[in-house]
Amino acid sequence: MAYSLDFRKMVILYINSGGSKLKASEIFGIHRQTIYNWLNREDLAPKLDYPKYRKLEKEDLKKYIKENPDAYLREIAQEFNVTVSGVSRAFARLKITNKKNSSLQRDKRIVKI
């Protein structure tokens, strides 16, 4: 969480009026490096937090799962051109449980001796 613009101005005002950076960090409860960073910036406004780009869009993945409920992770990964671990992490974010493990699939032929 970013510090408010008013708080930042108050810290800088304290320093510009003769207070030390060390004392300001103690009074306001922030790290000295944060104060140095603010002093070196032209604009004190908090930087914008841009949304993260994801290859697997939430709605697309949900739609694919509804249409293909028996799909393996590797098949979903191929469909969306991502890694299997990426699909697994997307499932965790969406709280979807994984039902299949391709390494457990065995040949189900019965051999009689």
PDB file of N, CA and C in Angstrom:
ATOM      1  N   MET A   1       0.835  -1.170   0.000  1.00  0.00           N
ATOM      2  CA  MET A   1       0.000   0.000   0.000  1.00  0.00           C
ATOM      3  C   MET A   1       0.882   1.235   0.000  1.00  0.00           C
ATOM      4  N   ALA A   2       0.549   2.163  -0.823  1.00  0.00           N
ATOM      5  CA  ALA A   2       1.352   3.370  -0.963  1.00  0.00           C
ATOM      6  C   ALA A   2       0.973   4.396   0.104  1.00  0.00           C
ATOM      7  N   TYR A   3       1.940   5.213   0.469  1.00  0.00           N
ATOM      8  CA  TYR A   3       1.688   6.309   1.399  1.00  0.00           C
ATOM      9  C   TYR A   3       0.918   7.411   0.674  1.00  0.00           C
ATOM     10  N   SER A   4       0.047   8.095   1.395  1.00  0.00           N
ATOM     11  CA  SER A   4      -0.756   9.149   0.771  1.00  0.00           C
ATOM     12  C   SER A   4       0.135  10.339   0.405  1.00  0.00           C
ATOM     13  N   LEU A   5      -0.352  11.126  -0.515  1.00  0.00           N
ATOM     14  CA  LEU A   5       0.380  12.303  -0.977  1.00  0.00           C
ATOM     15  C   LEU A   5       0.538  13.317   0.160  1.00  0.00           C
ATOM     16  N   ASP A   6      -0.485  13.463   0.988  1.00  0.00           N
ATOM     17  CA  ASP A   6      -0.404  14.391   2.127  1.00  0.00           C
ATOM     18  C   ASP A   6       0.707  13.978   3.096  1.00  0.00           C
ATOM     19  N   PHE A   7       0.791  12.682   3.368  1.00  0.00           N
ATOM     20  CA  PHE A   7       1.816  12.174   4.272  1.00  0.00           C
ATOM     21  C   PHE A   7       3.216  12.431   3.704  1.00  0.00           C
ATOM     22  N   ARG A   8       3.371  12.172   2.424  1.00  0.00           N
ATOM     23  CA  ARG A   8       4.672  12.398   1.773  1.00  0.00           C
ATOM     24  C   ARG A   8       5.076  13.870   1.861  1.00  0.00           C
ATOM     25  N   LYS A   9       4.114  14.761   1.598  1.00  0.00           N
ATOM     26  CA  LYS A   9       4.406  16.198   1.671  1.00  0.00           C
ATOM     27  C   LYS A   9       4.769  16.622   3.083  1.00  0.00           C
ATOM     28  N   MET A  10       4.120  16.023   4.074  1.00  0.00           N
ATOM     29  CA  MET A  10       4.404  16.351   5.464  1.00  0.00           C
ATOM     30  C   MET A  10       5.836  15.943   5.832  1.00  0.00           C
ATOM     31  N   VAL A  11       6.284  14.784   5.374  1.00  0.00           N
ATOM     32  CA  VAL A  11       7.643  14.317   5.655  1.00  0.00           C
ATOM     33  C   VAL A  11       8.661  15.242   4.982  1.00  0.00           C
ATOM     34  N   ILE A  12       8.429  15.571   3.712  1.00  0.00           N
ATOM     35  CA  ILE A  12       9.351  16.441   2.973  1.00  0.00           C
ATOM     36  C   ILE A  12       9.369  17.843   3.587  1.00  0.00           C
ATOM     37  N   LEU A  13       8.227  18.340   4.020  1.00  0.00           N
ATOM     38  CA  LEU A  13       8.155  19.641   4.669  1.00  0.00           C
ATOM     39  C   LEU A  13       8.977  19.649   5.963  1.00  0.00           C
ATOM     40  N   TYR A  14       8.899  18.577   6.717  1.00  0.00           N
ATOM     41  CA  TYR A  14       9.678  18.455   7.950  1.00  0.00           C
ATOM     42  C   TYR A  14      11.174  18.539   7.652  1.00  0.00           C
ATOM     43  N   ILE A  15      11.605  17.831   6.609  1.00  0.00           N
ATOM     44  CA  ILE A  15      13.028  17.816   6.250  1.00  0.00           C
ATOM     45  C   ILE A  15      13.456  19.177   5.715  1.00  0.00           C
ATOM     46  N   ASN A  16      12.635  19.807   4.876  1.00  0.00           N
ATOM     47  CA  ASN A  16      12.969  21.118   4.315  1.00  0.00           C
ATOM     48  C   ASN A  16      12.992  22.230   5.368  1.00  0.00           C
ATOM     49  N   SER A  17      12.286  22.009   6.477  1.00  0.00           N
ATOM     50  CA  SER A  17      12.292  23.020   7.534  1.00  0.00           C
ATOM     51  C   SER A  17      13.422  22.800   8.533  1.00  0.00           C
ATOM     52  N   GLY A  18      14.353  21.893   8.216  1.00  0.00           N
ATOM     53  CA  GLY A  18      15.541  21.735   9.037  1.00  0.00           C
ATOM     54  C   GLY A  18      15.655  20.420   9.776  1.00  0.00           C
ATOM     55  N   GLY A  19      14.667  19.565   9.690  1.00  0.00           N
ATOM     56  CA  GLY A  19      14.728  18.267  10.363  1.00  0.00           C
ATOM     57  C   GLY A  19      15.652  17.313   9.617  1.00  0.00           C
ATOM     58  N   SER A  20      16.245  16.394  10.354  1.00  0.00           N
ATOM     59  CA  SER A  20      17.141  15.425   9.704  1.00  0.00           C
ATOM     60  C   SER A  20      16.329  14.266   9.129  1.00  0.00           C
ATOM     61  N   LYS A  21      16.912  13.600   8.165  1.00  0.00           N
ATOM     62  CA  LYS A  21      16.255  12.456   7.537  1.00  0.00           C
ATOM     63  C   LYS A  21      16.118  11.305   8.530  1.00  0.00           C
ATOM     64  N   LEU A  22      17.150  11.117   9.359  1.00  0.00           N
ATOM     65  CA  LEU A  22      17.114  10.053  10.357  1.00  0.00           C
ATOM     66  C   LEU A  22      15.992  10.300  11.365  1.00  0.00           C
ATOM     67  N   LYS A  23      15.882  11.520  11.837  1.00  0.00           N
ATOM     68  CA  LYS A  23      14.838  11.865  12.806  1.00  0.00           C
ATOM     69  C   LYS A  23      13.459  11.746  12.165  1.00  0.00           C
ATOM     70  N   ALA A  24      13.335  12.134  10.889  1.00  0.00           N
ATOM     71  CA  ALA A  24      12.056  12.029  10.180  1.00  0.00           C
ATOM     72  C   ALA A  24      11.629  10.570  10.053  1.00  0.00           C
ATOM     73  N   SER A  25      12.599   9.693   9.789  1.00  0.00           N
ATOM     74  CA  SER A  25      12.257   8.278   9.662  1.00  0.00           C
ATOM     75  C   SER A  25      11.777   7.716  10.990  1.00  0.00           C
ATOM     76  N   GLU A  26      12.347   8.197  12.099  1.00  0.00           N
ATOM     77  CA  GLU A  26      11.916   7.741  13.421  1.00  0.00           C
ATOM     78  C   GLU A  26      10.537   8.299  13.778  1.00  0.00           C
ATOM     79  N   ILE A  27      10.333   9.581  13.507  1.00  0.00           N
ATOM     80  CA  ILE A  27       9.066  10.229  13.856  1.00  0.00           C
ATOM     81  C   ILE A  27       7.900   9.654  13.053  1.00  0.00           C
ATOM     82  N   PHE A  28       8.105   9.535  11.745  1.00  0.00           N
ATOM     83  CA  PHE A  28       7.011   9.119  10.864  1.00  0.00           C
ATOM     84  C   PHE A  28       6.932   7.610  10.664  1.00  0.00           C
ATOM     85  N   GLY A  29       7.919   6.868  11.174  1.00  0.00           N
ATOM     86  CA  GLY A  29       7.875   5.408  11.087  1.00  0.00           C
ATOM     87  C   GLY A  29       8.074   4.854   9.698  1.00  0.00           C
ATOM     88  N   ILE A  30       8.945   5.485   8.937  1.00  0.00           N
ATOM     89  CA  ILE A  30       9.264   4.983   7.597  1.00  0.00           C
ATOM     90  C   ILE A  30      10.771   4.820   7.476  1.00  0.00           C
ATOM     91  N   HIS A  31      11.187   4.053   6.503  1.00  0.00           N
ATOM     92  CA  HIS A  31      12.608   3.798   6.298  1.00  0.00           C
ATOM     93  C   HIS A  31      13.279   5.016   5.674  1.00  0.00           C
ATOM     94  N   ARG A  32      14.553   5.218   6.020  1.00  0.00           N
ATOM     95  CA  ARG A  32      15.291   6.365   5.463  1.00  0.00           C
ATOM     96  C   ARG A  32      15.370   6.309   3.955  1.00  0.00           C
ATOM     97  N   GLN A  33      15.536   5.107   3.404  1.00  0.00           N
ATOM     98  CA  GLN A  33      15.650   4.987   1.946  1.00  0.00           C
ATOM     99  C   GLN A  33      14.385   5.491   1.259  1.00  0.00           C
ATOM    100  N   THR A  34      13.248   5.295   1.881  1.00  0.00           N
ATOM    101  CA  THR A  34      11.993   5.806   1.324  1.00  0.00           C
ATOM    102  C   THR A  34      12.042   7.328   1.238  1.00  0.00           C
ATOM    103  N   ILE A  35      12.563   7.952   2.278  1.00  0.00           N
ATOM    104  CA  ILE A  35      12.687   9.412   2.271  1.00  0.00           C
ATOM    105  C   ILE A  35      13.635   9.865   1.172  1.00  0.00           C
ATOM    106  N   TYR A  36      14.774   9.194   1.041  1.00  0.00           N
ATOM    107  CA  TYR A  36      15.729   9.541  -0.028  1.00  0.00           C
ATOM    108  C   TYR A  36      15.071   9.381  -1.402  1.00  0.00           C
ATOM    109  N   ASN A  37      14.294   8.320  -1.573  1.00  0.00           N
ATOM    110  CA  ASN A  37      13.606   8.111  -2.849  1.00  0.00           C
ATOM    111  C   ASN A  37      12.639   9.255  -3.140  1.00  0.00           C
ATOM    112  N   TRP A  38      11.898   9.689  -2.120  1.00  0.00           N
ATOM    113  CA  TRP A  38      10.953  10.781  -2.305  1.00  0.00           C
ATOM    114  C   TRP A  38      11.672  12.078  -2.634  1.00  0.00           C
ATOM    115  N   LEU A  39      12.809  12.313  -2.007  1.00  0.00           N
ATOM    116  CA  LEU A  39      13.555  13.551  -2.265  1.00  0.00           C
ATOM    117  C   LEU A  39      14.118  13.591  -3.684  1.00  0.00           C
ATOM    118  N   ASN A  40      14.417  12.434  -4.252  1.00  0.00           N
ATOM    119  CA  ASN A  40      14.988  12.373  -5.603  1.00  0.00           C
ATOM    120  C   ASN A  40      13.929  12.396  -6.699  1.00  0.00           C
ATOM    121  N   ARG A  41      12.676  12.309  -6.338  1.00  0.00           N
ATOM    122  CA  ARG A  41      11.603  12.303  -7.335  1.00  0.00           C
ATOM    123  C   ARG A  41      11.134  13.721  -7.629  1.00  0.00           C
ATOM    124  N   GLU A  42      10.690  13.936  -8.840  1.00  0.00           N
ATOM    125  CA  GLU A  42      10.109  15.226  -9.206  1.00  0.00           C
ATOM    126  C   GLU A  42       8.665  15.325  -8.720  1.00  0.00           C
ATOM    127  N   ASP A  43       7.955  14.229  -8.820  1.00  0.00           N
ATOM    128  CA  ASP A  43       6.545  14.195  -8.431  1.00  0.00           C
ATOM    129  C   ASP A  43       6.386  13.234  -7.260  1.00  0.00           C
ATOM    130  N   LEU A  44       5.769  13.687  -6.183  1.00  0.00           N
ATOM    131  CA  LEU A  44       5.605  12.853  -5.000  1.00  0.00           C
ATOM    132  C   LEU A  44       4.398  11.916  -5.077  1.00  0.00           C
ATOM    133  N   ALA A  45       3.569  12.070  -6.086  1.00  0.00           N
ATOM    134  CA  ALA A  45       2.366  11.243  -6.184  1.00  0.00           C
ATOM    135  C   ALA A  45       2.752   9.768  -6.307  1.00  0.00           C
ATOM    136  N   PRO A  46       1.979   8.895  -5.676  1.00  0.00           N
ATOM    137  CA  PRO A  46       2.265   7.465  -5.786  1.00  0.00           C
ATOM    138  C   PRO A  46       2.189   7.003  -7.236  1.00  0.00           C
ATOM    139  N   LYS A  47       3.055   6.068  -7.588  1.00  0.00           N
ATOM    140  CA  LYS A  47       3.046   5.534  -8.949  1.00  0.00           C
ATOM    141  C   LYS A  47       1.811   4.672  -9.158  1.00  0.00           C
ATOM    142  N   LEU A  48       1.322   4.658 -10.373  1.00  0.00           N
ATOM    143  CA  LEU A  48       0.149   3.860 -10.701  1.00  0.00           C
ATOM    144  C   LEU A  48       0.510   2.390 -10.720  1.00  0.00           C
ATOM    145  N   ASP A  49      -0.403   1.568 -10.248  1.00  0.00           N
ATOM    146  CA  ASP A  49      -0.215   0.129 -10.273  1.00  0.00           C
ATOM    147  C   ASP A  49      -0.975  -0.411 -11.478  1.00  0.00           C
ATOM    148  N   TYR A  50      -0.250  -0.843 -12.496  1.00  0.00           N
ATOM    149  CA  TYR A  50      -0.867  -1.315 -13.721  1.00  0.00           C
ATOM    150  C   TYR A  50      -1.357  -2.752 -13.549  1.00  0.00           C
ATOM    151  N   PRO A  51      -2.445  -3.114 -14.196  1.00  0.00           N
ATOM    152  CA  PRO A  51      -2.941  -4.491 -14.081  1.00  0.00           C
ATOM    153  C   PRO A  51      -1.951  -5.469 -14.728  1.00  0.00           C
ATOM    154  N   LYS A  52      -1.900  -6.665 -14.176  1.00  0.00           N
ATOM    155  CA  LYS A  52      -0.983  -7.675 -14.694  1.00  0.00           C
ATOM    156  C   LYS A  52      -1.568  -8.326 -15.939  1.00  0.00           C
ATOM    157  N   TYR A  53      -0.703  -8.575 -16.907  1.00  0.00           N
ATOM    158  CA  TYR A  53      -1.121  -9.280 -18.115  1.00  0.00           C
ATOM    159  C   TYR A  53      -1.018 -10.769 -17.838  1.00  0.00           C
ATOM    160  N   ARG A  54      -2.037 -11.496 -18.158  1.00  0.00           N
ATOM    161  CA  ARG A  54      -2.024 -12.945 -17.984  1.00  0.00           C
ATOM    162  C   ARG A  54      -2.392 -13.593 -19.316  1.00  0.00           C
ATOM    163  N   LYS A  55      -1.663 -14.652 -19.645  1.00  0.00           N
ATOM    164  CA  LYS A  55      -1.976 -15.380 -20.867  1.00  0.00           C
ATOM    165  C   LYS A  55      -3.299 -16.130 -20.736  1.00  0.00           C
ATOM    166  N   LEU A  56      -3.551 -16.621 -19.538  1.00  0.00           N
ATOM    167  CA  LEU A  56      -4.785 -17.354 -19.293  1.00  0.00           C
ATOM    168  C   LEU A  56      -5.825 -16.418 -18.700  1.00  0.00           C
ATOM    169  N   GLU A  57      -6.757 -16.008 -19.508  1.00  0.00           N
ATOM    170  CA  GLU A  57      -7.827 -15.158 -19.007  1.00  0.00           C
ATOM    171  C   GLU A  57      -8.807 -16.016 -18.221  1.00  0.00           C
ATOM    172  N   LYS A  58      -9.277 -15.474 -17.122  1.00  0.00           N
ATOM    173  CA  LYS A  58     -10.129 -16.214 -16.195  1.00  0.00           C
ATOM    174  C   LYS A  58     -11.387 -16.757 -16.879  1.00  0.00           C
ATOM    175  N   GLU A  59     -12.062 -15.913 -17.616  1.00  0.00           N
ATOM    176  CA  GLU A  59     -13.328 -16.317 -18.247  1.00  0.00           C
ATOM    177  C   GLU A  59     -13.096 -17.357 -19.340  1.00  0.00           C
ATOM    178  N   ASP A  60     -12.025 -17.201 -20.114  1.00  0.00           N
ATOM    179  CA  ASP A  60     -11.721 -18.165 -21.175  1.00  0.00           C
ATOM    180  C   ASP A  60     -11.434 -19.538 -20.589  1.00  0.00           C
ATOM    181  N   LEU A  61     -10.681 -19.566 -19.499  1.00  0.00           N
ATOM    182  CA  LEU A  61     -10.338 -20.844 -18.869  1.00  0.00           C
ATOM    183  C   LEU A  61     -11.589 -21.508 -18.293  1.00  0.00           C
ATOM    184  N   LYS A  62     -12.439 -20.734 -17.635  1.00  0.00           N
ATOM    185  CA  LYS A  62     -13.670 -21.300 -17.080  1.00  0.00           C
ATOM    186  C   LYS A  62     -14.559 -21.878 -18.185  1.00  0.00           C
ATOM    187  N   LYS A  63     -14.645 -21.153 -19.290  1.00  0.00           N
ATOM    188  CA  LYS A  63     -15.468 -21.611 -20.415  1.00  0.00           C
ATOM    189  C   LYS A  63     -14.911 -22.918 -20.986  1.00  0.00           C
ATOM    190  N   TYR A  64     -13.586 -22.977 -21.134  1.00  0.00           N
ATOM    191  CA  TYR A  64     -12.970 -24.190 -21.675  1.00  0.00           C
ATOM    192  C   TYR A  64     -13.192 -25.378 -20.746  1.00  0.00           C
ATOM    193  N   ILE A  65     -13.101 -25.157 -19.431  1.00  0.00           N
ATOM    194  CA  ILE A  65     -13.298 -26.230 -18.466  1.00  0.00           C
ATOM    195  C   ILE A  65     -14.737 -26.733 -18.505  1.00  0.00           C
ATOM    196  N   LYS A  66     -15.703 -25.824 -18.670  1.00  0.00           N
ATOM    197  CA  LYS A  66     -17.102 -26.245 -18.763  1.00  0.00           C
ATOM    198  C   LYS A  66     -17.350 -27.075 -20.022  1.00  0.00           C
ATOM    199  N   GLU A  67     -16.691 -26.688 -21.124  1.00  0.00           N
ATOM    200  CA  GLU A  67     -16.868 -27.416 -22.378  1.00  0.00           C
ATOM    201  C   GLU A  67     -16.086 -28.722 -22.397  1.00  0.00           C
ATOM    202  N   ASN A  68     -14.956 -28.777 -21.689  1.00  0.00           N
ATOM    203  CA  ASN A  68     -14.088 -29.965 -21.667  1.00  0.00           C
ATOM    204  C   ASN A  68     -13.755 -30.344 -20.223  1.00  0.00           C
ATOM    205  N   PRO A  69     -14.718 -30.888 -19.490  1.00  0.00           N
ATOM    206  CA  PRO A  69     -14.464 -31.155 -18.074  1.00  0.00           C
ATOM    207  C   PRO A  69     -13.442 -32.263 -17.830  1.00  0.00           C
ATOM    208  N   ASP A  70     -13.191 -33.123 -18.809  1.00  0.00           N
ATOM    209  CA  ASP A  70     -12.255 -34.229 -18.628  1.00  0.00           C
ATOM    210  C   ASP A  70     -10.864 -33.935 -19.186  1.00  0.00           C
ATOM    211  N   ALA A  71     -10.596 -32.695 -19.535  1.00  0.00           N
ATOM    212  CA  ALA A  71      -9.307 -32.353 -20.144  1.00  0.00           C
ATOM    213  C   ALA A  71      -8.180 -32.427 -19.115  1.00  0.00           C
ATOM    214  N   TYR A  72      -7.052 -32.945 -19.550  1.00  0.00           N
ATOM    215  CA  TYR A  72      -5.855 -32.987 -18.709  1.00  0.00           C
ATOM    216  C   TYR A  72      -5.197 -31.606 -18.706  1.00  0.00           C
ATOM    217  N   LEU A  73      -4.361 -31.376 -17.706  1.00  0.00           N
ATOM    218  CA  LEU A  73      -3.636 -30.105 -17.632  1.00  0.00           C
ATOM    219  C   LEU A  73      -2.800 -29.881 -18.885  1.00  0.00           C
ATOM    220  N   ARG A  74      -2.155 -30.941 -19.366  1.00  0.00           N
ATOM    221  CA  ARG A  74      -1.299 -30.778 -20.552  1.00  0.00           C
ATOM    222  C   ARG A  74      -2.117 -30.410 -21.786  1.00  0.00           C
ATOM    223  N   GLU A  75      -3.344 -30.917 -21.877  1.00  0.00           N
ATOM    224  CA  GLU A  75      -4.211 -30.567 -23.009  1.00  0.00           C
ATOM    225  C   GLU A  75      -4.659 -29.101 -22.911  1.00  0.00           C
ATOM    226  N   ILE A  76      -4.965 -28.668 -21.714  1.00  0.00           N
ATOM    227  CA  ILE A  76      -5.360 -27.273 -21.516  1.00  0.00           C
ATOM    228  C   ILE A  76      -4.180 -26.354 -21.819  1.00  0.00           C
ATOM    229  N   ALA A  77      -2.985 -26.768 -21.384  1.00  0.00           N
ATOM    230  CA  ALA A  77      -1.776 -25.975 -21.638  1.00  0.00           C
ATOM    231  C   ALA A  77      -1.526 -25.840 -23.139  1.00  0.00           C
ATOM    232  N   GLN A  78      -1.713 -26.921 -23.891  1.00  0.00           N
ATOM    233  CA  GLN A  78      -1.526 -26.863 -25.343  1.00  0.00           C
ATOM    234  C   GLN A  78      -2.566 -25.961 -25.989  1.00  0.00           C
ATOM    235  N   GLU A  79      -3.791 -26.028 -25.499  1.00  0.00           N
ATOM    236  CA  GLU A  79      -4.871 -25.210 -26.060  1.00  0.00           C
ATOM    237  C   GLU A  79      -4.596 -23.717 -25.909  1.00  0.00           C
ATOM    238  N   PHE A  80      -4.063 -23.318 -24.735  1.00  0.00           N
ATOM    239  CA  PHE A  80      -3.817 -21.901 -24.463  1.00  0.00           C
ATOM    240  C   PHE A  80      -2.366 -21.489 -24.720  1.00  0.00           C
ATOM    241  N   ASN A  81      -1.544 -22.429 -25.167  1.00  0.00           N
ATOM    242  CA  ASN A  81      -0.131 -22.175 -25.465  1.00  0.00           C
ATOM    243  C   ASN A  81       0.622 -21.640 -24.236  1.00  0.00           C
ATOM    244  N   VAL A  82       0.456 -22.341 -23.124  1.00  0.00           N
ATOM    245  CA  VAL A  82       1.146 -22.020 -21.877  1.00  0.00           C
ATOM    246  C   VAL A  82       1.729 -23.312 -21.313  1.00  0.00           C
ATOM    247  N   THR A  83       2.419 -23.196 -20.183  1.00  0.00           N
ATOM    248  CA  THR A  83       2.997 -24.383 -19.549  1.00  0.00           C
ATOM    249  C   THR A  83       1.968 -25.050 -18.645  1.00  0.00           C
ATOM    250  N   VAL A  84       2.237 -26.302 -18.326  1.00  0.00           N
ATOM    251  CA  VAL A  84       1.364 -27.048 -17.429  1.00  0.00           C
ATOM    252  C   VAL A  84       1.341 -26.387 -16.053  1.00  0.00           C
ATOM    253  N   SER A  85       2.500 -25.918 -15.590  1.00  0.00           N
ATOM    254  CA  SER A  85       2.541 -25.260 -14.280  1.00  0.00           C
ATOM    255  C   SER A  85       1.747 -23.955 -14.302  1.00  0.00           C
ATOM    256  N   GLY A  86       1.704 -23.291 -15.444  1.00  0.00           N
ATOM    257  CA  GLY A  86       0.911 -22.073 -15.566  1.00  0.00           C
ATOM    258  C   GLY A  86      -0.575 -22.364 -15.428  1.00  0.00           C
ATOM    259  N   VAL A  87      -1.012 -23.466 -16.017  1.00  0.00           N
ATOM    260  CA  VAL A  87      -2.413 -23.865 -15.881  1.00  0.00           C
ATOM    261  C   VAL A  87      -2.702 -24.228 -14.431  1.00  0.00           C
ATOM    262  N   SER A  88      -1.775 -24.921 -13.809  1.00  0.00           N
ATOM    263  CA  SER A  88      -1.947 -25.317 -12.416  1.00  0.00           C
ATOM    264  C   SER A  88      -2.074 -24.090 -11.505  1.00  0.00           C
ATOM    265  N   ARG A  89      -1.248 -23.078 -11.734  1.00  0.00           N
ATOM    266  CA  ARG A  89      -1.333 -21.848 -10.937  1.00  0.00           C
ATOM    267  C   ARG A  89      -2.645 -21.108 -11.193  1.00  0.00           C
ATOM    268  N   ALA A  90      -3.106 -21.121 -12.442  1.00  0.00           N
ATOM    269  CA  ALA A  90      -4.384 -20.481 -12.764  1.00  0.00           C
ATOM    270  C   ALA A  90      -5.528 -21.208 -12.063  1.00  0.00           C
ATOM    271  N   PHE A  91      -5.462 -22.536 -12.010  1.00  0.00           N
ATOM    272  CA  PHE A  91      -6.459 -23.312 -11.283  1.00  0.00           C
ATOM    273  C   PHE A  91      -6.458 -22.945  -9.811  1.00  0.00           C
ATOM    274  N   ALA A  92      -5.275 -22.770  -9.240  1.00  0.00           N
ATOM    275  CA  ALA A  92      -5.175 -22.414  -7.823  1.00  0.00           C
ATOM    276  C   ALA A  92      -5.781 -21.039  -7.573  1.00  0.00           C
ATOM    277  N   ARG A  93      -5.531 -20.079  -8.469  1.00  0.00           N
ATOM    278  CA  ARG A  93      -6.113 -18.740  -8.322  1.00  0.00           C
ATOM    279  C   ARG A  93      -7.632 -18.787  -8.388  1.00  0.00           C
ATOM    280  N   LEU A  94      -8.153 -19.658  -9.250  1.00  0.00           N
ATOM    281  CA  LEU A  94      -9.602 -19.766  -9.432  1.00  0.00           C
ATOM    282  C   LEU A  94     -10.235 -20.760  -8.461  1.00  0.00           C
ATOM    283  N   LYS A  95      -9.412 -21.397  -7.636  1.00  0.00           N
ATOM    284  CA  LYS A  95      -9.866 -22.401  -6.668  1.00  0.00           C
ATOM    285  C   LYS A  95     -10.566 -23.563  -7.356  1.00  0.00           C
ATOM    286  N   ILE A  96      -9.978 -24.005  -8.469  1.00  0.00           N
ATOM    287  CA  ILE A  96     -10.460 -25.174  -9.190  1.00  0.00           C
ATOM    288  C   ILE A  96      -9.537 -26.323  -8.819  1.00  0.00           C
ATOM    289  N   THR A  97     -10.105 -27.442  -8.417  1.00  0.00           N
ATOM    290  CA  THR A  97      -9.273 -28.574  -8.033  1.00  0.00           C
ATOM    291  C   THR A  97      -8.948 -29.415  -9.256  1.00  0.00           C
ATOM    292  N   ASN A  98      -7.784 -30.005  -9.230  1.00  0.00           N
ATOM    293  CA  ASN A  98      -7.309 -30.840 -10.324  1.00  0.00           C
ATOM    294  C   ASN A  98      -7.739 -32.269 -10.059  1.00  0.00           C
ATOM    295  N   LYS A  99      -8.389 -32.900 -11.043  1.00  0.00           N
ATOM    296  CA  LYS A  99      -8.911 -34.242 -10.835  1.00  0.00           C
ATOM    297  C   LYS A  99      -8.046 -35.328 -11.452  1.00  0.00           C
ATOM    298  N   LYS A 100      -7.159 -34.961 -12.344  1.00  0.00           N
ATOM    299  CA  LYS A 100      -6.435 -35.988 -13.079  1.00  0.00           C
ATOM    300  C   LYS A 100      -4.933 -35.849 -12.915  1.00  0.00           C
ATOM    301  N   ASN A 101      -4.242 -36.967 -13.028  1.00  0.00           N
ATOM    302  CA  ASN A 101      -2.791 -37.001 -13.029  1.00  0.00           C
ATOM    303  C   ASN A 101      -2.394 -37.985 -14.121  1.00  0.00           C
ATOM    304  N   SER A 102      -1.819 -37.502 -15.200  1.00  0.00           N
ATOM    305  CA  SER A 102      -1.534 -38.360 -16.352  1.00  0.00           C
ATOM    306  C   SER A 102      -0.520 -39.455 -16.022  1.00  0.00           C
ATOM    307  N   SER A 103       0.311 -39.266 -14.997  1.00  0.00           N
ATOM    308  CA  SER A 103       1.286 -40.296 -14.655  1.00  0.00           C
ATOM    309  C   SER A 103       0.620 -41.484 -13.973  1.00  0.00           C
ATOM    310  N   LEU A 104      -0.612 -41.337 -13.502  1.00  0.00           N
ATOM    311  CA  LEU A 104      -1.316 -42.430 -12.842  1.00  0.00           C
ATOM    312  C   LEU A 104      -2.153 -43.263 -13.807  1.00  0.00           C
ATOM    313  N   GLN A 105      -2.268 -42.814 -15.025  1.00  0.00           N
ATOM    314  CA  GLN A 105      -3.029 -43.570 -16.005  1.00  0.00           C
ATOM    315  C   GLN A 105      -2.259 -44.831 -16.374  1.00  0.00           C
ATOM    316  N   ARG A 106      -2.893 -45.967 -16.196  1.00  0.00           N
ATOM    317  CA  ARG A 106      -2.240 -47.253 -16.468  1.00  0.00           C
ATOM    318  C   ARG A 106      -2.980 -47.975 -17.582  1.00  0.00           C
ATOM    319  N   ASP A 107      -2.262 -48.919 -18.160  1.00  0.00           N
ATOM    320  CA  ASP A 107      -2.867 -49.787 -19.154  1.00  0.00           C
ATOM    321  C   ASP A 107      -3.823 -50.711 -18.421  1.00  0.00           C
ATOM    322  N   LYS A 108      -5.083 -50.717 -18.794  1.00  0.00           N
ATOM    323  CA  LYS A 108      -6.091 -51.438 -18.029  1.00  0.00           C
ATOM    324  C   LYS A 108      -6.387 -52.820 -18.606  1.00  0.00           C
ATOM    325  N   ARG A 109      -5.487 -53.356 -19.399  1.00  0.00           N
ATOM    326  CA  ARG A 109      -5.679 -54.707 -19.928  1.00  0.00           C
ATOM    327  C   ARG A 109      -5.401 -55.725 -18.837  1.00  0.00           C
ATOM    328  N   ILE A 110      -6.191 -56.749 -18.783  1.00  0.00           N
ATOM    329  CA  ILE A 110      -5.999 -57.813 -17.806  1.00  0.00           C
ATOM    330  C   ILE A 110      -5.229 -58.939 -18.497  1.00  0.00           C
ATOM    331  N   VAL A 111      -4.156 -59.333 -17.873  1.00  0.00           N
ATOM    332  CA  VAL A 111      -3.325 -60.403 -18.426  1.00  0.00           C
ATOM    333  C   VAL A 111      -3.635 -61.692 -17.654  1.00  0.00           C
ATOM    334  N   LYS A 112      -4.046 -62.750 -18.385  1.00  0.00           N
ATOM    335  CA  LYS A 112      -4.331 -64.037 -17.744  1.00  0.00           C
ATOM    336  C   LYS A 112      -3.179 -64.974 -18.024  1.00  0.00           C
ATOM    337  N   ILE A 113      -2.780 -65.679 -17.010  1.00  0.00           N
ATOM    338  CA  ILE A 113      -1.662 -66.623 -17.160  1.00  0.00           C
ATOM    339  C   ILE A 113      -2.186 -68.021 -17.081  1.00  0.00           C
TER     340      ILE A 113
END
